[in-house]
PDB file of N, CA and C in Angstrom:
ATOM      1  N   UNK A   1      60.889  97.933  86.339  1.00  0.00           N
ATOM      2  CA  UNK A   1      59.783  97.049  86.637  1.00  0.00           C
ATOM      3  C   UNK A   1      60.293  95.628  86.906  1.00  0.00           C
ATOM      4  N   UNK A   2      61.187  95.162  86.050  1.00  0.00           N
ATOM      5  CA  UNK A   2      61.703  93.807  86.199  1.00  0.00           C
ATOM      6  C   UNK A   2      62.457  93.645  87.519  1.00  0.00           C
ATOM      7  N   UNK A   3      63.291  94.642  87.871  1.00  0.00           N
ATOM      8  CA  UNK A   3      64.028  94.586  89.133  1.00  0.00           C
ATOM      9  C   UNK A   3      63.097  94.639  90.335  1.00  0.00           C
ATOM     10  N   UNK A   4      62.072  95.461  90.248  1.00  0.00           N
ATOM     11  CA  UNK A   4      61.105  95.534  91.350  1.00  0.00           C
ATOM     12  C   UNK A   4      60.419  94.195  91.536  1.00  0.00           C
ATOM     13  N   UNK A   5      60.060  93.553  90.439  1.00  0.00           N
ATOM     14  CA  UNK A   5      59.405  92.248  90.518  1.00  0.00           C
ATOM     15  C   UNK A   5      60.349  91.224  91.140  1.00  0.00           C
ATOM     16  N   UNK A   6      61.598  91.229  90.728  1.00  0.00           N
ATOM     17  CA  UNK A   6      62.581  90.305  91.315  1.00  0.00           C
ATOM     18  C   UNK A   6      62.713  90.508  92.819  1.00  0.00           C
ATOM     19  N   UNK A   7      62.846  91.782  93.219  1.00  0.00           N
ATOM     20  CA  UNK A   7      62.979  92.070  94.655  1.00  0.00           C
ATOM     21  C   UNK A   7      61.750  91.598  95.422  1.00  0.00           C
ATOM     22  N   UNK A   8      60.583  91.834  94.854  1.00  0.00           N
ATOM     23  CA  UNK A   8      59.354  91.419  95.524  1.00  0.00           C
ATOM     24  C   UNK A   8      59.318  89.905  95.644  1.00  0.00           C
ATOM     25  N   UNK A   9      59.651  89.218  94.559  1.00  0.00           N
ATOM     26  CA  UNK A   9      59.652  87.759  94.598  1.00  0.00           C
ATOM     27  C   UNK A   9      60.642  87.238  95.630  1.00  0.00           C
ATOM     28  N   UNK A  10      61.818  87.850  95.673  1.00  0.00           N
ATOM     29  CA  UNK A  10      62.818  87.402  96.640  1.00  0.00           C
ATOM     30  C   UNK A  10      62.369  87.617  98.071  1.00  0.00           C
ATOM     31  N   UNK A  11      61.791  88.762  98.347  1.00  0.00           N
ATOM     32  CA  UNK A  11      61.470  89.081  99.734  1.00  0.00           C
ATOM     33  C   UNK A  11      60.163  88.463 100.224  1.00  0.00           C
ATOM     34  N   UNK A  12      59.225  88.209  99.347  1.00  0.00           N
ATOM     35  CA  UNK A  12      57.930  87.718  99.810  1.00  0.00           C
ATOM     36  C   UNK A  12      57.614  86.293  99.388  1.00  0.00           C
ATOM     37  N   UNK A  13      57.861  85.956  98.172  1.00  0.00           N
ATOM     38  CA  UNK A  13      57.401  84.671  97.666  1.00  0.00           C
ATOM     39  C   UNK A  13      58.452  83.589  97.778  1.00  0.00           C
ATOM     40  N   UNK A  14      59.697  83.910  97.446  1.00  0.00           N
ATOM     41  CA  UNK A  14      60.735  82.900  97.347  1.00  0.00           C
ATOM     42  C   UNK A  14      61.646  82.933  98.561  1.00  0.00           C
ATOM     43  N   UNK A  15      61.172  82.436  99.661  1.00  0.00           N
ATOM     44  CA  UNK A  15      61.944  82.476 100.895  1.00  0.00           C
ATOM     45  C   UNK A  15      62.990  81.368 100.960  1.00  0.00           C
ATOM     46  N   UNK A  16      62.921  80.414 100.072  1.00  0.00           N
ATOM     47  CA  UNK A  16      63.834  79.284 100.158  1.00  0.00           C
ATOM     48  C   UNK A  16      65.259  79.714  99.836  1.00  0.00           C
ATOM     49  N   UNK A  17      66.215  79.221 100.607  1.00  0.00           N
ATOM     50  CA  UNK A  17      67.630  79.540 100.383  1.00  0.00           C
ATOM     51  C   UNK A  17      68.105  79.017  99.036  1.00  0.00           C
ATOM     52  N   UNK A  18      67.580  77.887  98.610  1.00  0.00           N
ATOM     53  CA  UNK A  18      67.992  77.312  97.322  1.00  0.00           C
ATOM     54  C   UNK A  18      67.626  78.231  96.173  1.00  0.00           C
ATOM     55  N   UNK A  19      66.465  78.820  96.209  1.00  0.00           N
ATOM     56  CA  UNK A  19      66.031  79.715  95.131  1.00  0.00           C
ATOM     57  C   UNK A  19      66.856  80.990  95.152  1.00  0.00           C
ATOM     58  N   UNK A  20      67.070  81.550  96.332  1.00  0.00           N
ATOM     59  CA  UNK A  20      67.895  82.757  96.448  1.00  0.00           C
ATOM     60  C   UNK A  20      69.310  82.489  95.932  1.00  0.00           C
ATOM     61  N   UNK A  21      69.854  81.351  96.333  1.00  0.00           N
ATOM     62  CA  UNK A  21      71.206  81.005  95.886  1.00  0.00           C
ATOM     63  C   UNK A  21      71.245  80.866  94.360  1.00  0.00           C
ATOM     64  N   UNK A  22      70.252  80.246  93.787  1.00  0.00           N
ATOM     65  CA  UNK A  22      70.200  80.079  92.335  1.00  0.00           C
ATOM     66  C   UNK A  22      70.158  81.437  91.636  1.00  0.00           C
ATOM     67  N   UNK A  23      69.338  82.354  92.152  1.00  0.00           N
ATOM     68  CA  UNK A  23      69.244  83.679  91.532  1.00  0.00           C
ATOM     69  C   UNK A  23      70.557  84.448  91.644  1.00  0.00           C
ATOM     70  N   UNK A  24      71.214  84.360  92.788  1.00  0.00           N
ATOM     71  CA  UNK A  24      72.487  85.046  92.977  1.00  0.00           C
ATOM     72  C   UNK A  24      73.544  84.429  92.061  1.00  0.00           C
ATOM     73  N   UNK A  25      73.564  83.108  91.972  1.00  0.00           N
ATOM     74  CA  UNK A  25      74.515  82.428  91.095  1.00  0.00           C
ATOM     75  C   UNK A  25      74.273  82.817  89.637  1.00  0.00           C
ATOM     76  N   UNK A  26      73.027  82.897  89.234  1.00  0.00           N
ATOM     77  CA  UNK A  26      72.685  83.299  87.864  1.00  0.00           C
ATOM     78  C   UNK A  26      73.190  84.717  87.573  1.00  0.00           C
ATOM     79  N   UNK A  27      72.996  85.615  88.548  1.00  0.00           N
ATOM     80  CA  UNK A  27      73.492  86.985  88.385  1.00  0.00           C
ATOM     81  C   UNK A  27      75.016  86.998  88.274  1.00  0.00           C
ATOM     82  N   UNK A  28      75.694  86.186  89.084  1.00  0.00           N
ATOM     83  CA  UNK A  28      77.152  86.096  89.022  1.00  0.00           C
ATOM     84  C   UNK A  28      77.614  85.647  87.632  1.00  0.00           C
ATOM     85  N   UNK A  29      76.969  84.626  87.089  1.00  0.00           N
ATOM     86  CA  UNK A  29      77.340  84.137  85.755  1.00  0.00           C
ATOM     87  C   UNK A  29      77.147  85.217  84.699  1.00  0.00           C
ATOM     88  N   UNK A  30      76.043  85.941  84.797  1.00  0.00           N
ATOM     89  CA  UNK A  30      75.765  87.014  83.834  1.00  0.00           C
ATOM     90  C   UNK A  30      76.813  88.125  83.958  1.00  0.00           C
ATOM     91  N   UNK A  31      77.134  88.542  85.187  1.00  0.00           N
ATOM     92  CA  UNK A  31      78.119  89.599  85.391  1.00  0.00           C
ATOM     93  C   UNK A  31      79.523  89.145  84.971  1.00  0.00           C
ATOM     94  N   UNK A  32      79.838  87.884  85.197  1.00  0.00           N
ATOM     95  CA  UNK A  32      81.131  87.361  84.742  1.00  0.00           C
ATOM     96  C   UNK A  32      81.227  87.442  83.227  1.00  0.00           C
ATOM     97  N   UNK A  33      80.166  87.053  82.543  1.00  0.00           N
ATOM     98  CA  UNK A  33      80.151  87.106  81.078  1.00  0.00           C
ATOM     99  C   UNK A  33      80.305  88.546  80.583  1.00  0.00           C
ATOM    100  N   UNK A  34      79.652  89.492  81.256  1.00  0.00           N
ATOM    101  CA  UNK A  34      79.775  90.902  80.872  1.00  0.00           C
ATOM    102  C   UNK A  34      81.213  91.391  81.084  1.00  0.00           C
ATOM    103  N   UNK A  35      81.797  91.050  82.201  1.00  0.00           N
ATOM    104  CA  UNK A  35      83.165  91.453  82.507  1.00  0.00           C
ATOM    105  C   UNK A  35      84.138  90.820  81.519  1.00  0.00           C
ATOM    106  N   UNK A  36      83.910  89.549  81.183  1.00  0.00           N
ATOM    107  CA  UNK A  36      84.757  88.846  80.212  1.00  0.00           C
ATOM    108  C   UNK A  36      84.669  89.522  78.851  1.00  0.00           C
ATOM    109  N   UNK A  37      83.462  89.905  78.430  1.00  0.00           N
ATOM    110  CA  UNK A  37      83.289  90.579  77.143  1.00  0.00           C
ATOM    111  C   UNK A  37      84.054  91.903  77.127  1.00  0.00           C
ATOM    112  N   UNK A  38      84.007  92.654  78.223  1.00  0.00           N
ATOM    113  CA  UNK A  38      84.764  93.900  78.319  1.00  0.00           C
ATOM    114  C   UNK A  38      86.269  93.623  78.278  1.00  0.00           C
ATOM    115  N   UNK A  39      86.688  92.592  78.968  1.00  0.00           N
ATOM    116  CA  UNK A  39      88.099  92.230  79.032  1.00  0.00           C
ATOM    117  C   UNK A  39      88.621  91.798  77.667  1.00  0.00           C
ATOM    118  N   UNK A  40      87.796  91.085  76.912  1.00  0.00           N
ATOM    119  CA  UNK A  40      88.220  90.599  75.598  1.00  0.00           C
ATOM    120  C   UNK A  40      88.431  91.728  74.599  1.00  0.00           C
ATOM    121  N   UNK A  41      87.843  92.884  74.854  1.00  0.00           N
ATOM    122  CA  UNK A  41      87.974  94.018  73.946  1.00  0.00           C
ATOM    123  C   UNK A  41      89.282  94.783  74.138  1.00  0.00           C
ATOM    124  N   UNK A  42      89.999  94.498  75.217  1.00  0.00           N
ATOM    125  CA  UNK A  42      91.218  95.244  75.539  1.00  0.00           C
ATOM    126  C   UNK A  42      92.416  94.300  75.490  1.00  0.00           C
ATOM    127  N   UNK A  43      93.616  94.860  75.364  1.00  0.00           N
ATOM    128  CA  UNK A  43      94.812  93.993  75.420  1.00  0.00           C
ATOM    129  C   UNK A  43      94.863  93.256  76.763  1.00  0.00           C
ATOM    130  N   UNK A  44      95.168  91.979  76.703  1.00  0.00           N
ATOM    131  CA  UNK A  44      95.135  91.140  77.911  1.00  0.00           C
ATOM    132  C   UNK A  44      96.305  91.440  78.836  1.00  0.00           C
ATOM    133  N   UNK A  45      95.983  91.779  80.079  1.00  0.00           N
ATOM    134  CA  UNK A  45      97.018  91.910  81.113  1.00  0.00           C
ATOM    135  C   UNK A  45      97.120  90.614  81.887  1.00  0.00           C
ATOM    136  N   UNK A  46      96.030  89.892  81.953  1.00  0.00           N
ATOM    137  CA  UNK A  46      95.990  88.585  82.595  1.00  0.00           C
ATOM    138  C   UNK A  46      94.817  87.821  81.995  1.00  0.00           C
ATOM    139  N   UNK A  47      94.898  86.496  82.076  1.00  0.00           N
ATOM    140  CA  UNK A  47      93.835  85.660  81.518  1.00  0.00           C
ATOM    141  C   UNK A  47      92.627  85.680  82.453  1.00  0.00           C
ATOM    142  N   UNK A  48      91.467  85.894  81.896  1.00  0.00           N
ATOM    143  CA  UNK A  48      90.232  85.833  82.669  1.00  0.00           C
ATOM    144  C   UNK A  48      89.512  84.561  82.240  1.00  0.00           C
ATOM    145  N   UNK A  49      89.640  83.540  83.069  1.00  0.00           N
ATOM    146  CA  UNK A  49      89.085  82.239  82.704  1.00  0.00           C
ATOM    147  C   UNK A  49      88.061  81.800  83.743  1.00  0.00           C
ATOM    148  N   UNK A  50      87.010  81.168  83.269  1.00  0.00           N
ATOM    149  CA  UNK A  50      85.943  80.663  84.132  1.00  0.00           C
ATOM    150  C   UNK A  50      86.513  79.686  85.162  1.00  0.00           C
ATOM    151  N   UNK A  51      87.499  78.909  84.763  1.00  0.00           N
ATOM    152  CA  UNK A  51      88.079  77.905  85.662  1.00  0.00           C
ATOM    153  C   UNK A  51      88.773  78.534  86.871  1.00  0.00           C
ATOM    154  N   UNK A  52      89.178  79.793  86.755  1.00  0.00           N
ATOM    155  CA  UNK A  52      89.907  80.467  87.831  1.00  0.00           C
ATOM    156  C   UNK A  52      89.004  81.238  88.789  1.00  0.00           C
ATOM    157  N   UNK A  53      87.729  81.184  88.596  1.00  0.00           N
ATOM    158  CA  UNK A  53      86.803  81.993  89.401  1.00  0.00           C
ATOM    159  C   UNK A  53      86.793  81.532  90.858  1.00  0.00           C
ATOM    160  N   UNK A  54      86.494  82.455  91.726  1.00  0.00           N
ATOM    161  CA  UNK A  54      86.291  82.177  93.148  1.00  0.00           C
ATOM    162  C   UNK A  54      85.151  83.084  93.604  1.00  0.00           C
ATOM    163  N   UNK A  55      83.924  82.678  93.305  1.00  0.00           N
ATOM    164  CA  UNK A  55      82.800  83.579  93.595  1.00  0.00           C
ATOM    165  C   UNK A  55      82.548  83.728  95.098  1.00  0.00           C
ATOM    166  N   UNK A  56      82.422  84.957  95.525  1.00  0.00           N
ATOM    167  CA  UNK A  56      82.038  85.284  96.897  1.00  0.00           C
ATOM    168  C   UNK A  56      80.648  85.902  96.785  1.00  0.00           C
ATOM    169  N   UNK A  57      79.644  85.056  96.728  1.00  0.00           N
ATOM    170  CA  UNK A  57      78.303  85.480  96.351  1.00  0.00           C
ATOM    171  C   UNK A  57      77.634  86.378  97.379  1.00  0.00           C
ATOM    172  N   UNK A  58      78.097  86.363  98.602  1.00  0.00           N
ATOM    173  CA  UNK A  58      77.490  87.206  99.622  1.00  0.00           C
ATOM    174  C   UNK A  58      78.169  88.557  99.790  1.00  0.00           C
ATOM    175  N   UNK A  59      79.154  88.855  98.965  1.00  0.00           N
ATOM    176  CA  UNK A  59      79.935  90.079  99.124  1.00  0.00           C
ATOM    177  C   UNK A  59      79.378  91.291  98.403  1.00  0.00           C
ATOM    178  N   UNK A  60      78.364  91.116  97.587  1.00  0.00           N
ATOM    179  CA  UNK A  60      77.830  92.250  96.830  1.00  0.00           C
ATOM    180  C   UNK A  60      76.930  93.066  97.764  1.00  0.00           C
ATOM    181  N   UNK A  61      77.440  94.216  98.178  1.00  0.00           N
ATOM    182  CA  UNK A  61      76.695  95.054  99.113  1.00  0.00           C
ATOM    183  C   UNK A  61      76.567  96.465  98.549  1.00  0.00           C
ATOM    184  N   UNK A  62      75.619  97.199  99.047  1.00  0.00           N
ATOM    185  CA  UNK A  62      75.410  98.588  98.624  1.00  0.00           C
ATOM    186  C   UNK A  62      76.478  99.507  99.220  1.00  0.00           C
ATOM    187  N   UNK A  63      76.897  99.199 100.445  1.00  0.00           N
ATOM    188  CA  UNK A  63      77.839 100.045 101.170  1.00  0.00           C
ATOM    189  C   UNK A  63      78.898  99.154 101.803  1.00  0.00           C
ATOM    190  N   UNK A  64      80.151  99.588 101.760  1.00  0.00           N
ATOM    191  CA  UNK A  64      81.228  98.856 102.412  1.00  0.00           C
ATOM    192  C   UNK A  64      81.606  99.606 103.676  1.00  0.00           C
ATOM    193  N   UNK A  65      81.379  98.974 104.800  1.00  0.00           N
ATOM    194  CA  UNK A  65      81.745  99.589 106.065  1.00  0.00           C
ATOM    195  C   UNK A  65      83.238  99.419 106.329  1.00  0.00           C
ATOM    196  N   UNK A  66      83.817 100.316 107.084  1.00  0.00           N
ATOM    197  CA  UNK A  66      85.230 100.188 107.442  1.00  0.00           C
ATOM    198  C   UNK A  66      85.509 100.974 108.704  1.00  0.00           C
ATOM    199  N   UNK A  67      86.562 100.578 109.383  1.00  0.00           N
ATOM    200  CA  UNK A  67      87.021 101.279 110.577  1.00  0.00           C
ATOM    201  C   UNK A  67      88.059 102.306 110.121  1.00  0.00           C
ATOM    202  N   UNK A  68      87.725 103.582 110.221  1.00  0.00           N
ATOM    203  CA  UNK A  68      88.598 104.654 109.714  1.00  0.00           C
ATOM    204  C   UNK A  68      90.022 104.554 110.250  1.00  0.00           C
ATOM    205  N   UNK A  69      90.125 104.239 111.536  1.00  0.00           N
ATOM    206  CA  UNK A  69      91.447 104.185 112.150  1.00  0.00           C
ATOM    207  C   UNK A  69      92.337 103.184 111.424  1.00  0.00           C
ATOM    208  N   UNK A  70      91.846 101.984 111.190  1.00  0.00           N
ATOM    209  CA  UNK A  70      92.675 100.939 110.598  1.00  0.00           C
ATOM    210  C   UNK A  70      92.899 101.137 109.106  1.00  0.00           C
ATOM    211  N   UNK A  71      92.091 101.923 108.445  1.00  0.00           N
ATOM    212  CA  UNK A  71      92.313 102.201 107.025  1.00  0.00           C
ATOM    213  C   UNK A  71      93.249 103.382 106.870  1.00  0.00           C
ATOM    214  N   UNK A  72      92.943 104.485 107.532  1.00  0.00           N
ATOM    215  CA  UNK A  72      93.722 105.705 107.322  1.00  0.00           C
ATOM    216  C   UNK A  72      95.126 105.623 107.910  1.00  0.00           C
ATOM    217  N   UNK A  73      95.287 104.999 109.067  1.00  0.00           N
ATOM    218  CA  UNK A  73      96.641 104.980 109.639  1.00  0.00           C
ATOM    219  C   UNK A  73      97.555 104.068 108.836  1.00  0.00           C
ATOM    220  N   UNK A  74      97.048 102.978 108.277  1.00  0.00           N
ATOM    221  CA  UNK A  74      97.902 102.117 107.457  1.00  0.00           C
ATOM    222  C   UNK A  74      98.240 102.793 106.130  1.00  0.00           C
ATOM    223  N   UNK A  75      97.317 103.561 105.565  1.00  0.00           N
ATOM    224  CA  UNK A  75      97.605 104.312 104.330  1.00  0.00           C
ATOM    225  C   UNK A  75      98.685 105.356 104.606  1.00  0.00           C
ATOM    226  N   UNK A  76      98.564 106.043 105.733  1.00  0.00           N
ATOM    227  CA  UNK A  76      99.572 107.043 106.110  1.00  0.00           C
ATOM    228  C   UNK A  76     100.936 106.369 106.281  1.00  0.00           C
ATOM    229  N   UNK A  77     100.968 105.267 107.007  1.00  0.00           N
ATOM    230  CA  UNK A  77     102.237 104.581 107.267  1.00  0.00           C
ATOM    231  C   UNK A  77     102.857 104.054 105.969  1.00  0.00           C
ATOM    232  N   UNK A  78     102.048 103.553 105.059  1.00  0.00           N
ATOM    233  CA  UNK A  78     102.565 103.064 103.774  1.00  0.00           C
ATOM    234  C   UNK A  78     103.189 104.208 102.982  1.00  0.00           C
ATOM    235  N   UNK A  79     102.562 105.385 103.027  1.00  0.00           N
ATOM    236  CA  UNK A  79     103.134 106.547 102.332  1.00  0.00           C
ATOM    237  C   UNK A  79     104.485 106.941 102.934  1.00  0.00           C
ATOM    238  N   UNK A  80     104.598 106.864 104.256  1.00  0.00           N
ATOM    239  CA  UNK A  80     105.857 107.207 104.927  1.00  0.00           C
ATOM    240  C   UNK A  80     106.950 106.216 104.527  1.00  0.00           C
ATOM    241  N   UNK A  81     106.641 104.916 104.558  1.00  0.00           N
ATOM    242  CA  UNK A  81     107.635 103.909 104.180  1.00  0.00           C
ATOM    243  C   UNK A  81     108.052 104.114 102.718  1.00  0.00           C
ATOM    244  N   UNK A  82     107.090 104.395 101.851  1.00  0.00           N
ATOM    245  CA  UNK A  82     107.405 104.633 100.433  1.00  0.00           C
ATOM    246  C   UNK A  82     108.301 105.857 100.269  1.00  0.00           C
ATOM    247  N   UNK A  83     108.040 106.869 101.052  1.00  0.00           N
ATOM    248  CA  UNK A  83     108.830 108.106 100.972  1.00  0.00           C
ATOM    249  C   UNK A  83     110.263 107.877 101.465  1.00  0.00           C
ATOM    250  N   UNK A  84     110.414 107.120 102.536  1.00  0.00           N
ATOM    251  CA  UNK A  84     111.734 106.870 103.113  1.00  0.00           C
ATOM    252  C   UNK A  84     112.554 105.870 102.305  1.00  0.00           C
ATOM    253  N   UNK A  85     111.885 104.959 101.624  1.00  0.00           N
ATOM    254  CA  UNK A  85     112.542 103.924 100.817  1.00  0.00           C
ATOM    255  C   UNK A  85     113.685 103.225 101.563  1.00  0.00           C
ATOM    256  N   UNK A  86     113.397 102.617 102.719  1.00  0.00           N
ATOM    257  CA  UNK A  86     114.469 101.921 103.440  1.00  0.00           C
ATOM    258  C   UNK A  86     114.892 100.659 102.671  1.00  0.00           C
ATOM    259  N   UNK A  87     116.039 100.111 103.039  1.00  0.00           N
ATOM    260  CA  UNK A  87     116.507  98.873 102.398  1.00  0.00           C
ATOM    261  C   UNK A  87     115.531  97.739 102.664  1.00  0.00           C
ATOM    262  N   UNK A  88     114.929  97.750 103.861  1.00  0.00           N
ATOM    263  CA  UNK A  88     113.878  96.797 104.216  1.00  0.00           C
ATOM    264  C   UNK A  88     113.064  97.380 105.365  1.00  0.00           C
ATOM    265  N   UNK A  89     111.881  96.844 105.577  1.00  0.00           N
ATOM    266  CA  UNK A  89     110.998  97.299 106.655  1.00  0.00           C
ATOM    267  C   UNK A  89     110.777  96.135 107.601  1.00  0.00           C
ATOM    268  N   UNK A  90     111.063  96.336 108.882  1.00  0.00           N
ATOM    269  CA  UNK A  90     110.781  95.320 109.901  1.00  0.00           C
ATOM    270  C   UNK A  90     109.432  95.654 110.505  1.00  0.00           C
ATOM    271  N   UNK A  91     108.523  94.742 110.407  1.00  0.00           N
ATOM    272  CA  UNK A  91     107.158  94.980 110.869  1.00  0.00           C
ATOM    273  C   UNK A  91     106.842  94.030 112.016  1.00  0.00           C
ATOM    274  N   UNK A  92     106.434  94.588 113.139  1.00  0.00           N
ATOM    275  CA  UNK A  92     106.125  93.775 114.310  1.00  0.00           C
ATOM    276  C   UNK A  92     104.650  93.936 114.645  1.00  0.00           C
ATOM    277  N   UNK A  93     103.881  92.891 114.378  1.00  0.00           N
ATOM    278  CA  UNK A  93     102.480  92.752 114.788  1.00  0.00           C
ATOM    279  C   UNK A  93     101.532  93.811 114.238  1.00  0.00           C
ATOM    280  N   UNK A  94     101.833  94.367 113.086  1.00  0.00           N
ATOM    281  CA  UNK A  94     100.830  95.269 112.511  1.00  0.00           C
ATOM    282  C   UNK A  94      99.891  94.438 111.635  1.00  0.00           C
ATOM    283  N   UNK A  95      99.073  95.107 110.888  1.00  0.00           N
ATOM    284  CA  UNK A  95      98.127  94.428 110.012  1.00  0.00           C
ATOM    285  C   UNK A  95      98.864  93.658 108.923  1.00  0.00           C
ATOM    286  N   UNK A  96      98.469  92.448 108.704  1.00  0.00           N
ATOM    287  CA  UNK A  96      99.057  91.649 107.635  1.00  0.00           C
ATOM    288  C   UNK A  96      98.838  92.323 106.286  1.00  0.00           C
ATOM    289  N   UNK A  97      97.687  92.969 106.130  1.00  0.00           N
ATOM    290  CA  UNK A  97      97.399  93.686 104.877  1.00  0.00           C
ATOM    291  C   UNK A  97      98.397  94.826 104.659  1.00  0.00           C
ATOM    292  N   UNK A  98      98.739  95.514 105.734  1.00  0.00           N
ATOM    293  CA  UNK A  98      99.722  96.590 105.632  1.00  0.00           C
ATOM    294  C   UNK A  98     101.068  96.042 105.179  1.00  0.00           C
ATOM    295  N   UNK A  99     101.515  94.968 105.813  1.00  0.00           N
ATOM    296  CA  UNK A  99     102.804  94.386 105.451  1.00  0.00           C
ATOM    297  C   UNK A  99     102.804  93.900 104.009  1.00  0.00           C
ATOM    298  N   UNK A 100     101.723  93.312 103.581  1.00  0.00           N
ATOM    299  CA  UNK A 100     101.634  92.839 102.202  1.00  0.00           C
ATOM    300  C   UNK A 100     101.679  94.009 101.229  1.00  0.00           C
ATOM    301  N   UNK A 101     100.981  95.084 101.547  1.00  0.00           N
ATOM    302  CA  UNK A 101     100.973  96.264 100.677  1.00  0.00           C
ATOM    303  C   UNK A 101     102.364  96.889 100.587  1.00  0.00           C
ATOM    304  N   UNK A 102     103.004  97.074 101.716  1.00  0.00           N
ATOM    305  CA  UNK A 102     104.326  97.688 101.740  1.00  0.00           C
ATOM    306  C   UNK A 102     105.347  96.799 101.019  1.00  0.00           C
ATOM    307  N   UNK A 103     105.162  95.481 101.076  1.00  0.00           N
ATOM    308  CA  UNK A 103     106.112  94.577 100.422  1.00  0.00           C
ATOM    309  C   UNK A 103     106.097  94.724  98.898  1.00  0.00           C
ATOM    310  N   UNK A 104     105.130  95.436  98.359  1.00  0.00           N
ATOM    311  CA  UNK A 104     105.095  95.681  96.916  1.00  0.00           C
ATOM    312  C   UNK A 104     106.215  96.618  96.480  1.00  0.00           C
ATOM    313  N   UNK A 105     106.733  97.425  97.416  1.00  0.00           N
ATOM    314  CA  UNK A 105     107.775  98.373  97.038  1.00  0.00           C
ATOM    315  C   UNK A 105     108.990  98.374  97.953  1.00  0.00           C
ATOM    316  N   UNK A 106     108.930  97.664  99.083  1.00  0.00           N
ATOM    317  CA  UNK A 106     110.072  97.562 100.000  1.00  0.00           C
ATOM    318  C   UNK A 106     110.065  96.139 100.567  1.00  0.00           C
ATOM    319  N   UNK A 107     111.202  95.468 100.616  1.00  0.00           N
ATOM    320  CA  UNK A 107     111.241  94.156 101.258  1.00  0.00           C
ATOM    321  C   UNK A 107     110.795  94.257 102.727  1.00  0.00           C
ATOM    322  N   UNK A 108     110.001  93.292 103.185  1.00  0.00           N
ATOM    323  CA  UNK A 108     109.437  93.344 104.543  1.00  0.00           C
ATOM    324  C   UNK A 108     109.852  92.095 105.307  1.00  0.00           C
ATOM    325  N   UNK A 109     110.260  92.303 106.555  1.00  0.00           N
ATOM    326  CA  UNK A 109     110.459  91.210 107.518  1.00  0.00           C
ATOM    327  C   UNK A 109     109.323  91.360 108.515  1.00  0.00           C
ATOM    328  N   UNK A 110     108.449  90.352 108.580  1.00  0.00           N
ATOM    329  CA  UNK A 110     107.207  90.460 109.358  1.00  0.00           C
ATOM    330  C   UNK A 110     107.256  89.515 110.554  1.00  0.00           C
ATOM    331  N   UNK A 111     106.967  90.051 111.729  1.00  0.00           N
ATOM    332  CA  UNK A 111     106.839  89.262 112.965  1.00  0.00           C
ATOM    333  C   UNK A 111     105.452  89.493 113.527  1.00  0.00           C
ATOM    334  N   UNK A 112     104.770  88.416 113.842  1.00  0.00           N
ATOM    335  CA  UNK A 112     103.431  88.550 114.413  1.00  0.00           C
ATOM    336  C   UNK A 112     103.460  88.221 115.881  1.00  0.00           C
TER     337      UNK A 112
END
């Protein structure tokens, strides 16, 4: 009931960007606090501090779209490089994300 009321208010009554932004920011603060509480219960792998936040308030979506070609072929190529374990990988104009991922396990020389 509460969520339905919020959605109705957002879509019909509260058209102002300032109000929408305030509600999204409030939700972010609440979710951060929940995540921090969960993090505090486990051994720390990294510090979770409010000062380090970088909220991307428009990124919360129901579905994440992607281009299959650019996701699957880079995953395949990363598996091949990992399997071959070369001394280094020379990368010419591929996805920067691919080069960054592969650099986690093989030194990369990247040319764009």
